[in-house]
Amino acid sequence: PDSSAAYATVASVLESWNKLHPDSLQLTVIVTSLPYHHNSWFAA
């Protein structure tokens, strides 16, 4: 759940920052499946 919350925030940061500094920030999302979330591997 922290990942989903953080993604929503940084996606907004991407939009806000690039309005002030056009084409200066790229957001890259990379998935890692934590072993204690048993179905995370399937989702990824």
PDB file of all heavy atoms in Angstrom:
ATOM      1  N   PRO A   1       0.813  -1.226   0.000  1.00  0.00           N
ATOM      2  CA  PRO A   1       0.000   0.000   0.000  1.00  0.00           C
ATOM      3  C   PRO A   1       0.839   1.265   0.000  1.00  0.00           C
ATOM      4  O   PRO A   1       0.433   2.287  -0.565  1.00  0.00           O
ATOM      5  CB  PRO A   1      -0.831  -0.125   1.287  1.00  0.00           C
ATOM      6  CG  PRO A   1      -0.134  -1.154   2.116  1.00  0.00           C
ATOM      7  CD  PRO A   1       0.544  -2.076   1.172  1.00  0.00           C
ATOM      8  N   ASP A   2       2.030   1.218   0.615  1.00  0.00           N
ATOM      9  CA  ASP A   2       2.911   2.384   0.584  1.00  0.00           C
ATOM     10  C   ASP A   2       3.393   2.674  -0.832  1.00  0.00           C
ATOM     11  O   ASP A   2       3.602   3.835  -1.203  1.00  0.00           O
ATOM     12  CB  ASP A   2       4.112   2.168   1.507  1.00  0.00           C
ATOM     13  CG  ASP A   2       3.735   2.190   2.975  1.00  0.00           C
ATOM     14  OD1 ASP A   2       2.673   2.752   3.303  1.00  0.00           O
ATOM     15  OD2 ASP A   2       4.499   1.640   3.793  1.00  0.00           O
ATOM     16  N   SER A   3       3.574   1.618  -1.624  1.00  0.00           N
ATOM     17  CA  SER A   3       3.998   1.808  -3.015  1.00  0.00           C
ATOM     18  C   SER A   3       2.939   2.548  -3.819  1.00  0.00           C
ATOM     19  O   SER A   3       3.248   3.465  -4.587  1.00  0.00           O
ATOM     20  CB  SER A   3       4.284   0.449  -3.673  1.00  0.00           C
ATOM     21  OG  SER A   3       5.453  -0.142  -3.156  1.00  0.00           O
ATOM     22  N   SER A   4       1.700   2.141  -3.656  1.00  0.00           N
ATOM     23  CA  SER A   4       0.631   2.789  -4.424  1.00  0.00           C
ATOM     24  C   SER A   4       0.478   4.248  -4.008  1.00  0.00           C
ATOM     25  O   SER A   4       0.273   5.126  -4.852  1.00  0.00           O
ATOM     26  CB  SER A   4      -0.694   2.037  -4.252  1.00  0.00           C
ATOM     27  OG  SER A   4      -1.086   1.983  -2.897  1.00  0.00           O
ATOM     28  N   ALA A   5       0.611   4.525  -2.711  1.00  0.00           N
ATOM     29  CA  ALA A   5       0.504   5.905  -2.240  1.00  0.00           C
ATOM     30  C   ALA A   5       1.658   6.750  -2.773  1.00  0.00           C
ATOM     31  O   ALA A   5       1.466   7.888  -3.229  1.00  0.00           O
ATOM     32  CB  ALA A   5       0.490   5.937  -0.711  1.00  0.00           C
ATOM     33  N   ALA A   6       2.858   6.183  -2.731  1.00  0.00           N
ATOM     34  CA  ALA A   6       4.046   6.924  -3.184  1.00  0.00           C
ATOM     35  C   ALA A   6       4.003   7.176  -4.680  1.00  0.00           C
ATOM     36  O   ALA A   6       4.390   8.262  -5.148  1.00  0.00           O
ATOM     37  CB  ALA A   6       5.305   6.156  -2.819  1.00  0.00           C
ATOM     38  N   TYR A   7       3.524   6.203  -5.434  1.00  0.00           N
ATOM     39  CA  TYR A   7       3.454   6.387  -6.885  1.00  0.00           C
ATOM     40  C   TYR A   7       2.520   7.541  -7.243  1.00  0.00           C
ATOM     41  O   TYR A   7       2.838   8.372  -8.111  1.00  0.00           O
ATOM     42  CB  TYR A   7       2.994   5.111  -7.584  1.00  0.00           C
ATOM     43  CG  TYR A   7       2.691   5.346  -9.041  1.00  0.00           C
ATOM     44  CD1 TYR A   7       3.720   5.471  -9.971  1.00  0.00           C
ATOM     45  CD2 TYR A   7       1.371   5.504  -9.486  1.00  0.00           C
ATOM     46  CE1 TYR A   7       3.451   5.734 -11.307  1.00  0.00           C
ATOM     47  CE2 TYR A   7       1.098   5.768 -10.816  1.00  0.00           C
ATOM     48  CZ  TYR A   7       2.138   5.874 -11.718  1.00  0.00           C
ATOM     49  OH  TYR A   7       1.861   6.147 -13.030  1.00  0.00           O
ATOM     50  N   ALA A   8       1.377   7.599  -6.588  1.00  0.00           N
ATOM     51  CA  ALA A   8       0.426   8.680  -6.864  1.00  0.00           C
ATOM     52  C   ALA A   8       1.080  10.043  -6.601  1.00  0.00           C
ATOM     53  O   ALA A   8       0.882  11.002  -7.358  1.00  0.00           O
ATOM     54  CB  ALA A   8      -0.824   8.514  -6.004  1.00  0.00           C
ATOM     55  N   THR A   9       1.886  10.106  -5.550  1.00  0.00           N
ATOM     56  CA  THR A   9       2.551  11.364  -5.210  1.00  0.00           C
ATOM     57  C   THR A   9       3.605  11.738  -6.238  1.00  0.00           C
ATOM     58  O   THR A   9       3.629  12.864  -6.741  1.00  0.00           O
ATOM     59  CB  THR A   9       3.200  11.267  -3.817  1.00  0.00           C
ATOM     60  OG1 THR A   9       2.193  10.994  -2.839  1.00  0.00           O
ATOM     61  CG2 THR A   9       3.910  12.571  -3.464  1.00  0.00           C
ATOM     62  N   VAL A  10       4.499  10.795  -6.569  1.00  0.00           N
ATOM     63  CA  VAL A  10       5.590  11.144  -7.489  1.00  0.00           C
ATOM     64  C   VAL A  10       5.080  11.382  -8.909  1.00  0.00           C
ATOM     65  O   VAL A  10       5.690  12.138  -9.671  1.00  0.00           O
ATOM     66  CB  VAL A  10       6.725  10.089  -7.478  1.00  0.00           C
ATOM     67  CG1 VAL A  10       7.410  10.063  -6.118  1.00  0.00           C
ATOM     68  CG2 VAL A  10       6.232   8.715  -7.872  1.00  0.00           C
ATOM     69  N   ALA A  11       3.945  10.774  -9.261  1.00  0.00           N
ATOM     70  CA  ALA A  11       3.355  11.078 -10.565  1.00  0.00           C
ATOM     71  C   ALA A  11       2.905  12.536 -10.606  1.00  0.00           C
ATOM     72  O   ALA A  11       3.052  13.222 -11.629  1.00  0.00           O
ATOM     73  CB  ALA A  11       2.183  10.140 -10.839  1.00  0.00           C
ATOM     74  N   SER A  12       2.383  13.024  -9.487  1.00  0.00           N
ATOM     75  CA  SER A  12       2.005  14.439  -9.401  1.00  0.00           C
ATOM     76  C   SER A  12       3.232  15.341  -9.393  1.00  0.00           C
ATOM     77  O   SER A  12       3.228  16.430  -9.975  1.00  0.00           O
ATOM     78  CB  SER A  12       1.173  14.684  -8.134  1.00  0.00           C
ATOM     79  OG  SER A  12      -0.065  13.999  -8.197  1.00  0.00           O
ATOM     80  N   VAL A  13       4.295  14.865  -8.733  1.00  0.00           N
ATOM     81  CA  VAL A  13       5.557  15.616  -8.726  1.00  0.00           C
ATOM     82  C   VAL A  13       6.087  15.752 -10.149  1.00  0.00           C
ATOM     83  O   VAL A  13       6.548  16.828 -10.560  1.00  0.00           O
ATOM     84  CB  VAL A  13       6.603  14.915  -7.836  1.00  0.00           C
ATOM     85  CG1 VAL A  13       7.984  15.554  -8.007  1.00  0.00           C
ATOM     86  CG2 VAL A  13       6.173  14.965  -6.379  1.00  0.00           C
ATOM     87  N   LEU A  14       6.036  14.676 -10.903  1.00  0.00           N
ATOM     88  CA  LEU A  14       6.494  14.697 -12.294  1.00  0.00           C
ATOM     89  C   LEU A  14       5.777  15.787 -13.084  1.00  0.00           C
ATOM     90  O   LEU A  14       6.409  16.574 -13.806  1.00  0.00           O
ATOM     91  CB  LEU A  14       6.247  13.329 -12.941  1.00  0.00           C
ATOM     92  CG  LEU A  14       6.589  13.193 -14.420  1.00  0.00           C
ATOM     93  CD1 LEU A  14       8.102  13.199 -14.627  1.00  0.00           C
ATOM     94  CD2 LEU A  14       5.979  11.905 -15.004  1.00  0.00           C
ATOM     95  N   GLU A  15       4.468  15.841 -12.945  1.00  0.00           N
ATOM     96  CA  GLU A  15       3.680  16.834 -13.675  1.00  0.00           C
ATOM     97  C   GLU A  15       4.009  18.251 -13.206  1.00  0.00           C
ATOM     98  O   GLU A  15       4.234  19.154 -14.024  1.00  0.00           O
ATOM     99  CB  GLU A  15       2.192  16.547 -13.480  1.00  0.00           C
ATOM    100  CG  GLU A  15       1.279  17.495 -14.231  1.00  0.00           C
ATOM    101  CD  GLU A  15      -0.193  17.170 -14.062  1.00  0.00           C
ATOM    102  OE1 GLU A  15      -0.507  16.184 -13.359  1.00  0.00           O
ATOM    103  OE2 GLU A  15      -1.029  17.908 -14.611  1.00  0.00           O
ATOM    104  N   SER A  16       4.069  18.446 -11.895  1.00  0.00           N
ATOM    105  CA  SER A  16       4.317  19.786 -11.349  1.00  0.00           C
ATOM    106  C   SER A  16       5.714  20.287 -11.689  1.00  0.00           C
ATOM    107  O   SER A  16       5.900  21.454 -12.069  1.00  0.00           O
ATOM    108  CB  SER A  16       4.133  19.771  -9.821  1.00  0.00           C
ATOM    109  OG  SER A  16       2.809  19.433  -9.477  1.00  0.00           O
ATOM    110  N   TRP A  17       6.705  19.404 -11.553  1.00  0.00           N
ATOM    111  CA  TRP A  17       8.085  19.809 -11.812  1.00  0.00           C
ATOM    112  C   TRP A  17       8.295  20.165 -13.286  1.00  0.00           C
ATOM    113  O   TRP A  17       8.948  21.155 -13.618  1.00  0.00           O
ATOM    114  CB  TRP A  17       9.036  18.708 -11.389  1.00  0.00           C
ATOM    115  CG  TRP A  17      10.485  19.079 -11.536  1.00  0.00           C
ATOM    116  CD1 TRP A  17      11.307  18.802 -12.593  1.00  0.00           C
ATOM    117  CD2 TRP A  17      11.274  19.840 -10.621  1.00  0.00           C
ATOM    118  NE1 TRP A  17      12.563  19.325 -12.404  1.00  0.00           N
ATOM    119  CE2 TRP A  17      12.567  19.966 -11.190  1.00  0.00           C
ATOM    120  CE3 TRP A  17      11.028  20.420  -9.378  1.00  0.00           C
ATOM    121  CZ2 TRP A  17      13.603  20.649 -10.545  1.00  0.00           C
ATOM    122  CZ3 TRP A  17      12.056  21.095  -8.735  1.00  0.00           C
ATOM    123  CH2 TRP A  17      13.320  21.202  -9.321  1.00  0.00           C
ATOM    124  N   ASN A  18       7.742  19.342 -14.168  1.00  0.00           N
ATOM    125  CA  ASN A  18       7.944  19.585 -15.598  1.00  0.00           C
ATOM    126  C   ASN A  18       7.169  20.799 -16.111  1.00  0.00           C
ATOM    127  O   ASN A  18       7.492  21.326 -17.172  1.00  0.00           O
ATOM    128  CB  ASN A  18       7.600  18.330 -16.402  1.00  0.00           C
ATOM    129  CG  ASN A  18       8.726  17.307 -16.364  1.00  0.00           C
ATOM    130  OD1 ASN A  18       9.889  17.647 -16.175  1.00  0.00           O
ATOM    131  ND2 ASN A  18       8.382  16.039 -16.539  1.00  0.00           N
ATOM    132  N   LYS A  19       6.163  21.240 -15.367  1.00  0.00           N
ATOM    133  CA  LYS A  19       5.512  22.499 -15.723  1.00  0.00           C
ATOM    134  C   LYS A  19       6.457  23.674 -15.475  1.00  0.00           C
ATOM    135  O   LYS A  19       6.469  24.649 -16.235  1.00  0.00           O
ATOM    136  CB  LYS A  19       4.225  22.680 -14.909  1.00  0.00           C
ATOM    137  CG  LYS A  19       3.042  21.874 -15.432  1.00  0.00           C
ATOM    138  CD  LYS A  19       1.793  22.151 -14.613  1.00  0.00           C
ATOM    139  CE  LYS A  19       0.600  21.354 -15.148  1.00  0.00           C
ATOM    140  NZ  LYS A  19      -0.626  21.596 -14.334  1.00  0.00           N
ATOM    141  N   LEU A  20       7.240  23.556 -14.395  1.00  0.00           N
ATOM    142  CA  LEU A  20       8.196  24.618 -14.062  1.00  0.00           C
ATOM    143  C   LEU A  20       9.486  24.493 -14.855  1.00  0.00           C
ATOM    144  O   LEU A  20      10.099  25.497 -15.226  1.00  0.00           O
ATOM    145  CB  LEU A  20       8.518  24.566 -12.565  1.00  0.00           C
ATOM    146  CG  LEU A  20       7.366  24.853 -11.601  1.00  0.00           C
ATOM    147  CD1 LEU A  20       7.809  24.592 -10.169  1.00  0.00           C
ATOM    148  CD2 LEU A  20       6.880  26.290 -11.762  1.00  0.00           C
ATOM    149  N   HIS A  21       9.896  23.255 -15.102  1.00  0.00           N
ATOM    150  CA  HIS A  21      11.140  22.975 -15.807  1.00  0.00           C
ATOM    151  C   HIS A  21      10.840  21.943 -16.902  1.00  0.00           C
ATOM    152  O   HIS A  21      11.053  20.743 -16.697  1.00  0.00           O
ATOM    153  CB  HIS A  21      12.202  22.434 -14.848  1.00  0.00           C
ATOM    154  CG  HIS A  21      12.386  23.256 -13.608  1.00  0.00           C
ATOM    155  ND1 HIS A  21      13.113  24.423 -13.595  1.00  0.00           N
ATOM    156  CD2 HIS A  21      11.909  23.083 -12.345  1.00  0.00           C
ATOM    157  CE1 HIS A  21      13.103  24.927 -12.376  1.00  0.00           C
ATOM    158  NE2 HIS A  21      12.381  24.137 -11.593  1.00  0.00           N
ATOM    159  N   PRO A  22      10.343  22.386 -18.032  1.00  0.00           N
ATOM    160  CA  PRO A  22       9.875  21.452 -19.068  1.00  0.00           C
ATOM    161  C   PRO A  22      10.909  20.389 -19.451  1.00  0.00           C
ATOM    162  O   PRO A  22      12.095  20.683 -19.654  1.00  0.00           O
ATOM    163  CB  PRO A  22       9.560  22.378 -20.248  1.00  0.00           C
ATOM    164  CG  PRO A  22       9.246  23.692 -19.607  1.00  0.00           C
ATOM    165  CD  PRO A  22      10.160  23.794 -18.425  1.00  0.00           C
ATOM    166  N   ASP A  23      10.416  19.155 -19.524  1.00  0.00           N
ATOM    167  CA  ASP A  23      11.217  18.013 -19.997  1.00  0.00           C
ATOM    168  C   ASP A  23      12.514  17.823 -19.211  1.00  0.00           C
ATOM    169  O   ASP A  23      13.531  17.392 -19.753  1.00  0.00           O
ATOM    170  CB  ASP A  23      11.549  18.164 -21.487  1.00  0.00           C
ATOM    171  CG  ASP A  23      10.314  18.149 -22.359  1.00  0.00           C
ATOM    172  OD1 ASP A  23       9.332  17.485 -21.974  1.00  0.00           O
ATOM    173  OD2 ASP A  23      10.324  18.797 -23.421  1.00  0.00           O
ATOM    174  N   SER A  24      12.477  18.130 -17.924  1.00  0.00           N
ATOM    175  CA  SER A  24      13.704  17.996 -17.128  1.00  0.00           C
ATOM    176  C   SER A  24      13.664  16.821 -16.154  1.00  0.00           C
ATOM    177  O   SER A  24      14.675  16.498 -15.534  1.00  0.00           O
ATOM    178  CB  SER A  24      13.973  19.281 -16.338  1.00  0.00           C
ATOM    179  OG  SER A  24      12.930  19.525 -15.407  1.00  0.00           O
ATOM    180  N   LEU A  25      12.501  16.176 -16.010  1.00  0.00           N
ATOM    181  CA  LEU A  25      12.373  15.065 -15.063  1.00  0.00           C
ATOM    182  C   LEU A  25      11.663  13.897 -15.721  1.00  0.00           C
ATOM    183  O   LEU A  25      10.607  14.061 -16.334  1.00  0.00           O
ATOM    184  CB  LEU A  25      11.593  15.509 -13.821  1.00  0.00           C
ATOM    185  CG  LEU A  25      11.309  14.429 -12.756  1.00  0.00           C
ATOM    186  CD1 LEU A  25      12.622  13.922 -12.144  1.00  0.00           C
ATOM    187  CD2 LEU A  25      10.389  14.987 -11.668  1.00  0.00           C
ATOM    188  N   GLN A  26      12.262  12.724 -15.606  1.00  0.00           N
ATOM    189  CA  GLN A  26      11.633  11.489 -16.054  1.00  0.00           C
ATOM    190  C   GLN A  26      11.402  10.603 -14.838  1.00  0.00           C
ATOM    191  O   GLN A  26      12.251  10.526 -13.944  1.00  0.00           O
ATOM    192  CB  GLN A  26      12.501  10.750 -17.069  1.00  0.00           C
ATOM    193  CG  GLN A  26      11.843   9.475 -17.620  1.00  0.00           C
ATOM    194  CD  GLN A  26      12.729   8.745 -18.613  1.00  0.00           C
ATOM    195  OE1 GLN A  26      13.939   8.646 -18.419  1.00  0.00           O
ATOM    196  NE2 GLN A  26      12.141   8.247 -19.687  1.00  0.00           N
ATOM    197  N   LEU A  27      10.261   9.948 -14.793  1.00  0.00           N
ATOM    198  CA  LEU A  27       9.924   9.014 -13.716  1.00  0.00           C
ATOM    199  C   LEU A  27      10.010   7.595 -14.253  1.00  0.00           C
ATOM    200  O   LEU A  27       9.403   7.275 -15.276  1.00  0.00           O
ATOM    201  CB  LEU A  27       8.518   9.290 -13.184  1.00  0.00           C
ATOM    202  CG  LEU A  27       7.971   8.302 -12.145  1.00  0.00           C
ATOM    203  CD1 LEU A  27       8.813   8.338 -10.871  1.00  0.00           C
ATOM    204  CD2 LEU A  27       6.507   8.625 -11.832  1.00  0.00           C
ATOM    205  N   THR A  28      10.766   6.755 -13.578  1.00  0.00           N
ATOM    206  CA  THR A  28      10.909   5.360 -13.980  1.00  0.00           C
ATOM    207  C   THR A  28      10.461   4.462 -12.839  1.00  0.00           C
ATOM    208  O   THR A  28      10.966   4.567 -11.717  1.00  0.00           O
ATOM    209  CB  THR A  28      12.369   5.028 -14.356  1.00  0.00           C
ATOM    210  OG1 THR A  28      12.772   5.857 -15.453  1.00  0.00           O
ATOM    211  CG2 THR A  28      12.497   3.568 -14.770  1.00  0.00           C
ATOM    212  N   VAL A  29       9.502   3.590 -13.126  1.00  0.00           N
ATOM    213  CA  VAL A  29       8.963   2.665 -12.133  1.00  0.00           C
ATOM    214  C   VAL A  29       9.565   1.282 -12.376  1.00  0.00           C
ATOM    215  O   VAL A  29       9.553   0.784 -13.509  1.00  0.00           O
ATOM    216  CB  VAL A  29       7.429   2.588 -12.217  1.00  0.00           C
ATOM    217  CG1 VAL A  29       6.874   1.713 -11.095  1.00  0.00           C
ATOM    218  CG2 VAL A  29       6.804   3.980 -12.177  1.00  0.00           C
ATOM    219  N   ILE A  30      10.103   0.672 -11.327  1.00  0.00           N
ATOM    220  CA  ILE A  30      10.690  -0.656 -11.411  1.00  0.00           C
ATOM    221  C   ILE A  30      10.054  -1.516 -10.322  1.00  0.00           C
ATOM    222  O   ILE A  30       9.928  -1.091  -9.175  1.00  0.00           O
ATOM    223  CB  ILE A  30      12.227  -0.619 -11.232  1.00  0.00           C
ATOM    224  CG1 ILE A  30      12.847   0.323 -12.266  1.00  0.00           C
ATOM    225  CG2 ILE A  30      12.821  -2.016 -11.358  1.00  0.00           C
ATOM    226  CD1 ILE A  30      14.321   0.593 -12.047  1.00  0.00           C
ATOM    227  N   VAL A  31       9.657  -2.720 -10.686  1.00  0.00           N
ATOM    228  CA  VAL A  31       8.951  -3.597  -9.757  1.00  0.00           C
ATOM    229  C   VAL A  31       9.912  -4.578  -9.098  1.00  0.00           C
ATOM    230  O   VAL A  31      10.773  -5.162  -9.760  1.00  0.00           O
ATOM    231  CB  VAL A  31       7.849  -4.389 -10.489  1.00  0.00           C
ATOM    232  CG1 VAL A  31       7.133  -5.327  -9.513  1.00  0.00           C
ATOM    233  CG2 VAL A  31       6.857  -3.446 -11.144  1.00  0.00           C
ATOM    234  N   THR A  32       9.764  -4.735  -7.798  1.00  0.00           N
ATOM    235  CA  THR A  32      10.391  -5.849  -7.100  1.00  0.00           C
ATOM    236  C   THR A  32       9.322  -6.491  -6.234  1.00  0.00           C
ATOM    237  O   THR A  32       8.508  -5.795  -5.616  1.00  0.00           O
ATOM    238  CB  THR A  32      11.588  -5.400  -6.247  1.00  0.00           C
ATOM    239  OG1 THR A  32      12.219  -6.557  -5.675  1.00  0.00           O
ATOM    240  CG2 THR A  32      11.180  -4.454  -5.139  1.00  0.00           C
ATOM    241  N   SER A  33       9.283  -7.807  -6.226  1.00  0.00           N
ATOM    242  CA  SER A  33       8.233  -8.529  -5.508  1.00  0.00           C
ATOM    243  C   SER A  33       8.753  -8.961  -4.139  1.00  0.00           C
ATOM    244  O   SER A  33       9.620  -9.830  -4.042  1.00  0.00           O
ATOM    245  CB  SER A  33       7.788  -9.751  -6.313  1.00  0.00           C
ATOM    246  OG  SER A  33       7.286  -9.358  -7.570  1.00  0.00           O
ATOM    247  N   LEU A  34       8.211  -8.362  -3.101  1.00  0.00           N
ATOM    248  CA  LEU A  34       8.636  -8.699  -1.746  1.00  0.00           C
ATOM    249  C   LEU A  34       8.110 -10.077  -1.352  1.00  0.00           C
ATOM    250  O   LEU A  34       6.932 -10.383  -1.583  1.00  0.00           O
ATOM    251  CB  LEU A  34       8.133  -7.644  -0.764  1.00  0.00           C
ATOM    252  CG  LEU A  34       8.631  -6.217  -1.028  1.00  0.00           C
ATOM    253  CD1 LEU A  34       7.976  -5.237  -0.066  1.00  0.00           C
ATOM    254  CD2 LEU A  34      10.148  -6.148  -0.912  1.00  0.00           C
ATOM    255  N   PRO A  35       8.949 -10.939  -0.778  1.00  0.00           N
ATOM    256  CA  PRO A  35       8.559 -12.327  -0.534  1.00  0.00           C
ATOM    257  C   PRO A  35       7.419 -12.502   0.455  1.00  0.00           C
ATOM    258  O   PRO A  35       6.711 -13.513   0.423  1.00  0.00           O
ATOM    259  CB  PRO A  35       9.855 -12.977  -0.008  1.00  0.00           C
ATOM    260  CG  PRO A  35      10.661 -11.836   0.532  1.00  0.00           C
ATOM    261  CD  PRO A  35      10.340 -10.672  -0.358  1.00  0.00           C
ATOM    262  N   TYR A  36       7.225 -11.532   1.345  1.00  0.00           N
ATOM    263  CA  TYR A  36       6.143 -11.685   2.329  1.00  0.00           C
ATOM    264  C   TYR A  36       4.795 -11.225   1.788  1.00  0.00           C
ATOM    265  O   TYR A  36       3.784 -11.367   2.463  1.00  0.00           O
ATOM    266  CB  TYR A  36       6.489 -10.953   3.631  1.00  0.00           C
ATOM    267  CG  TYR A  36       7.163  -9.613   3.464  1.00  0.00           C
ATOM    268  CD1 TYR A  36       6.419  -8.460   3.253  1.00  0.00           C
ATOM    269  CD2 TYR A  36       8.544  -9.509   3.525  1.00  0.00           C
ATOM    270  CE1 TYR A  36       7.033  -7.236   3.102  1.00  0.00           C
ATOM    271  CE2 TYR A  36       9.173  -8.273   3.385  1.00  0.00           C
ATOM    272  CZ  TYR A  36       8.417  -7.137   3.174  1.00  0.00           C
ATOM    273  OH  TYR A  36       9.039  -5.918   3.015  1.00  0.00           O
ATOM    274  N   HIS A  37       4.765 -10.662   0.583  1.00  0.00           N
ATOM    275  CA  HIS A  37       3.502 -10.445  -0.129  1.00  0.00           C
ATOM    276  C   HIS A  37       3.377 -11.604  -1.123  1.00  0.00           C
ATOM    277  O   HIS A  37       3.881 -11.543  -2.240  1.00  0.00           O
ATOM    278  CB  HIS A  37       3.513  -9.102  -0.860  1.00  0.00           C
ATOM    279  CG  HIS A  37       3.593  -7.925   0.046  1.00  0.00           C
ATOM    280  ND1 HIS A  37       4.091  -6.698  -0.350  1.00  0.00           N
ATOM    281  CD2 HIS A  37       3.231  -7.770   1.348  1.00  0.00           C
ATOM    282  CE1 HIS A  37       4.028  -5.849   0.656  1.00  0.00           C
ATOM    283  NE2 HIS A  37       3.513  -6.475   1.702  1.00  0.00           N
ATOM    284  N   HIS A  38       2.708 -12.661  -0.719  1.00  0.00           N
ATOM    285  CA  HIS A  38       2.792 -13.934  -1.427  1.00  0.00           C
ATOM    286  C   HIS A  38       2.353 -13.878  -2.885  1.00  0.00           C
ATOM    287  O   HIS A  38       2.847 -14.630  -3.713  1.00  0.00           O
ATOM    288  CB  HIS A  38       1.966 -14.995  -0.687  1.00  0.00           C
ATOM    289  CG  HIS A  38       2.465 -15.277   0.688  1.00  0.00           C
ATOM    290  ND1 HIS A  38       1.769 -16.022   1.596  1.00  0.00           N
ATOM    291  CD2 HIS A  38       3.617 -14.895   1.326  1.00  0.00           C
ATOM    292  CE1 HIS A  38       2.449 -16.104   2.736  1.00  0.00           C
ATOM    293  NE2 HIS A  38       3.568 -15.419   2.594  1.00  0.00           N
ATOM    294  N   ASN A  39       1.424 -12.991  -3.208  1.00  0.00           N
ATOM    295  CA  ASN A  39       0.895 -12.938  -4.574  1.00  0.00           C
ATOM    296  C   ASN A  39       1.481 -11.797  -5.398  1.00  0.00           C
ATOM    297  O   ASN A  39       1.056 -11.555  -6.531  1.00  0.00           O
ATOM    298  CB  ASN A  39      -0.630 -12.818  -4.539  1.00  0.00           C
ATOM    299  CG  ASN A  39      -1.262 -14.031  -3.896  1.00  0.00           C
ATOM    300  OD1 ASN A  39      -0.927 -15.163  -4.224  1.00  0.00           O
ATOM    301  ND2 ASN A  39      -2.165 -13.807  -2.950  1.00  0.00           N
ATOM    302  N   SER A  40       2.477 -11.132  -4.837  1.00  0.00           N
ATOM    303  CA  SER A  40       3.087 -10.014  -5.548  1.00  0.00           C
ATOM    304  C   SER A  40       3.773 -10.464  -6.830  1.00  0.00           C
ATOM    305  O   SER A  40       3.746  -9.761  -7.841  1.00  0.00           O
ATOM    306  CB  SER A  40       4.092  -9.313  -4.628  1.00  0.00           C
ATOM    307  OG  SER A  40       4.736  -8.259  -5.286  1.00  0.00           O
ATOM    308  N   TRP A  41       4.397 -11.646  -6.785  1.00  0.00           N
ATOM    309  CA  TRP A  41       5.065 -12.171  -7.987  1.00  0.00           C
ATOM    310  C   TRP A  41       4.065 -12.343  -9.119  1.00  0.00           C
ATOM    311  O   TRP A  41       4.337 -11.974 -10.266  1.00  0.00           O
ATOM    312  CB  TRP A  41       5.738 -13.493  -7.651  1.00  0.00           C
ATOM    313  CG  TRP A  41       6.569 -14.091  -8.744  1.00  0.00           C
ATOM    314  CD1 TRP A  41       6.171 -14.962  -9.724  1.00  0.00           C
ATOM    315  CD2 TRP A  41       7.973 -13.855  -8.996  1.00  0.00           C
ATOM    316  NE1 TRP A  41       7.217 -15.293 -10.542  1.00  0.00           N
ATOM    317  CE2 TRP A  41       8.342 -14.625 -10.119  1.00  0.00           C
ATOM    318  CE3 TRP A  41       8.939 -13.080  -8.368  1.00  0.00           C
ATOM    319  CZ2 TRP A  41       9.632 -14.644 -10.632  1.00  0.00           C
ATOM    320  CZ3 TRP A  41      10.231 -13.092  -8.874  1.00  0.00           C
ATOM    321  CH2 TRP A  41      10.568 -13.861  -9.997  1.00  0.00           C
ATOM    322  N   PHE A  42       2.894 -12.887  -8.810  1.00  0.00           N
ATOM    323  CA  PHE A  42       1.865 -13.069  -9.830  1.00  0.00           C
ATOM    324  C   PHE A  42       1.414 -11.720 -10.396  1.00  0.00           C
ATOM    325  O   PHE A  42       1.222 -11.576 -11.607  1.00  0.00           O
ATOM    326  CB  PHE A  42       0.655 -13.797  -9.246  1.00  0.00           C
ATOM    327  CG  PHE A  42       0.867 -15.265  -9.010  1.00  0.00           C
ATOM    328  CD1 PHE A  42       0.094 -15.948  -8.075  1.00  0.00           C
ATOM    329  CD2 PHE A  42       1.825 -15.980  -9.715  1.00  0.00           C
ATOM    330  CE1 PHE A  42       0.275 -17.297  -7.861  1.00  0.00           C
ATOM    331  CE2 PHE A  42       2.017 -17.337  -9.511  1.00  0.00           C
ATOM    332  CZ  PHE A  42       1.238 -18.000  -8.567  1.00  0.00           C
ATOM    333  N   ALA A  43       1.219 -10.738  -9.511  1.00  0.00           N
ATOM    334  CA  ALA A  43       0.763  -9.424  -9.971  1.00  0.00           C
ATOM    335  C   ALA A  43       1.798  -8.767 -10.884  1.00  0.00           C
ATOM    336  O   ALA A  43       1.458  -8.184 -11.914  1.00  0.00           O
ATOM    337  CB  ALA A  43       0.460  -8.534  -8.772  1.00  0.00           C
ATOM    338  N   ALA A  44       3.068  -8.879 -10.491  1.00  0.00           N
ATOM    339  CA  ALA A  44       4.133  -8.287 -11.302  1.00  0.00           C
ATOM    340  C   ALA A  44       4.284  -9.007 -12.637  1.00  0.00           C
ATOM    341  O   ALA A  44       4.453  -8.380 -13.688  1.00  0.00           O
ATOM    342  CB  ALA A  44       5.450  -8.324 -10.529  1.00  0.00           C
TER     343      ALA A  44
END
